[in-house]
Amino acid sequence: MHKHRFDPGALVAGLFFLAVAGIFLVGGFADTSILPVYGLAPAVLIGLGAVGLVRALTRARRRGP
């Protein structure tokens, strides 16, 4: 089997989507809303921005001098 490099961007993306799924799961079992609908879009955009930032920083570090 071919070894692959560690990709921190993929790890952060996976953890982010796991957290979003966990919020929806807890919200389904709870009587009240954990994250209001109007707070969902900013949370997703901030999370995707963080993932993009990690990907850009790790890519720049790999290509370094």
C-alpha atoms as a PDB file:
ATOM      1  CA  MET A   1       0.000   0.000   0.000  1.00  0.00           C
ATOM      2  CA  HIS A   2       1.236   3.469  -0.925  1.00  0.00           C
ATOM      3  CA  LYS A   3       1.856   5.826   2.009  1.00  0.00           C
ATOM      4  CA  HIS A   4       0.199   9.230   1.931  1.00  0.00           C
ATOM      5  CA  ARG A   5       1.287  12.476   3.543  1.00  0.00           C
ATOM      6  CA  PHE A   6      -0.549  13.719   6.592  1.00  0.00           C
ATOM      7  CA  ASP A   7      -3.083  16.341   5.496  1.00  0.00           C
ATOM      8  CA  PRO A   8      -4.123  18.630   8.368  1.00  0.00           C
ATOM      9  CA  GLY A   9      -6.677  20.405   6.156  1.00  0.00           C
ATOM     10  CA  ALA A  10      -8.575  17.178   5.639  1.00  0.00           C
ATOM     11  CA  LEU A  11      -8.464  16.503   9.369  1.00  0.00           C
ATOM     12  CA  VAL A  12      -9.868  19.950  10.186  1.00  0.00           C
ATOM     13  CA  ALA A  13     -12.571  19.590   7.518  1.00  0.00           C
ATOM     14  CA  GLY A  14     -13.563  16.189   8.870  1.00  0.00           C
ATOM     15  CA  LEU A  15     -13.738  17.445  12.448  1.00  0.00           C
ATOM     16  CA  PHE A  16     -15.777  20.463  11.360  1.00  0.00           C
ATOM     17  CA  PHE A  17     -18.373  18.374   9.541  1.00  0.00           C
ATOM     18  CA  LEU A  18     -18.438  15.889  12.417  1.00  0.00           C
ATOM     19  CA  ALA A  19     -19.179  18.776  14.802  1.00  0.00           C
ATOM     20  CA  VAL A  20     -21.984  20.054  12.545  1.00  0.00           C
ATOM     21  CA  ALA A  21     -23.484  16.560  12.391  1.00  0.00           C
ATOM     22  CA  GLY A  22     -23.212  16.285  16.192  1.00  0.00           C
ATOM     23  CA  ILE A  23     -25.048  19.588  16.623  1.00  0.00           C
ATOM     24  CA  PHE A  24     -27.877  18.334  14.421  1.00  0.00           C
ATOM     25  CA  LEU A  25     -27.965  15.006  16.261  1.00  0.00           C
ATOM     26  CA  VAL A  26     -28.153  16.648  19.692  1.00  0.00           C
ATOM     27  CA  GLY A  27     -30.720  19.121  18.386  1.00  0.00           C
ATOM     28  CA  GLY A  28     -32.869  16.230  17.180  1.00  0.00           C
ATOM     29  CA  PHE A  29     -32.917  14.651  20.649  1.00  0.00           C
ATOM     30  CA  ALA A  30     -33.339  17.906  22.591  1.00  0.00           C
ATOM     31  CA  ASP A  31     -36.600  19.740  23.036  1.00  0.00           C
ATOM     32  CA  THR A  32     -34.962  23.082  22.327  1.00  0.00           C
ATOM     33  CA  SER A  33     -32.804  24.243  19.441  1.00  0.00           C
ATOM     34  CA  ILE A  34     -29.065  23.945  20.078  1.00  0.00           C
ATOM     35  CA  LEU A  35     -28.114  26.229  17.182  1.00  0.00           C
ATOM     36  CA  PRO A  36     -30.788  28.556  15.823  1.00  0.00           C
ATOM     37  CA  VAL A  37     -31.386  28.524  12.077  1.00  0.00           C
ATOM     38  CA  TYR A  38     -30.170  32.119  11.708  1.00  0.00           C
ATOM     39  CA  GLY A  39     -26.873  31.097  13.341  1.00  0.00           C
ATOM     40  CA  LEU A  40     -26.261  28.135  11.059  1.00  0.00           C
ATOM     41  CA  ALA A  41     -25.133  29.984   7.931  1.00  0.00           C
ATOM     42  CA  PRO A  42     -22.473  32.092   9.704  1.00  0.00           C
ATOM     43  CA  ALA A  43     -21.208  29.024  11.579  1.00  0.00           C
ATOM     44  CA  VAL A  44     -20.849  27.039   8.347  1.00  0.00           C
ATOM     45  CA  LEU A  45     -19.110  29.924   6.566  1.00  0.00           C
ATOM     46  CA  ILE A  46     -16.703  30.502   9.470  1.00  0.00           C
ATOM     47  CA  GLY A  47     -15.930  26.789   9.617  1.00  0.00           C
ATOM     48  CA  LEU A  48     -15.305  26.560   5.886  1.00  0.00           C
ATOM     49  CA  GLY A  49     -13.101  29.657   6.100  1.00  0.00           C
ATOM     50  CA  ALA A  50     -11.052  28.019   8.859  1.00  0.00           C
ATOM     51  CA  VAL A  51     -10.688  24.874   6.765  1.00  0.00           C
ATOM     52  CA  GLY A  52      -9.577  26.947   3.771  1.00  0.00           C
ATOM     53  CA  LEU A  53      -7.062  28.831   5.889  1.00  0.00           C
ATOM     54  CA  VAL A  54      -5.519  25.611   7.217  1.00  0.00           C
ATOM     55  CA  ARG A  55      -5.349  24.179   3.695  1.00  0.00           C
ATOM     56  CA  ALA A  56      -3.678  27.322   2.327  1.00  0.00           C
ATOM     57  CA  LEU A  57      -1.133  27.500   5.152  1.00  0.00           C
ATOM     58  CA  THR A  58      -0.160  23.842   4.907  1.00  0.00           C
ATOM     59  CA  ARG A  59       0.093  24.026   1.122  1.00  0.00           C
ATOM     60  CA  ALA A  60       2.339  27.117   1.336  1.00  0.00           C
ATOM     61  CA  ARG A  61       4.531  25.381   3.923  1.00  0.00           C
ATOM     62  CA  ARG A  62       4.981  22.309   1.708  1.00  0.00           C
ATOM     63  CA  ARG A  63       6.021  24.403  -1.280  1.00  0.00           C
ATOM     64  CA  GLY A  64       8.411  26.499   0.837  1.00  0.00           C
ATOM     65  CA  PRO A  65      11.950  27.450  -0.213  1.00  0.00           C
END
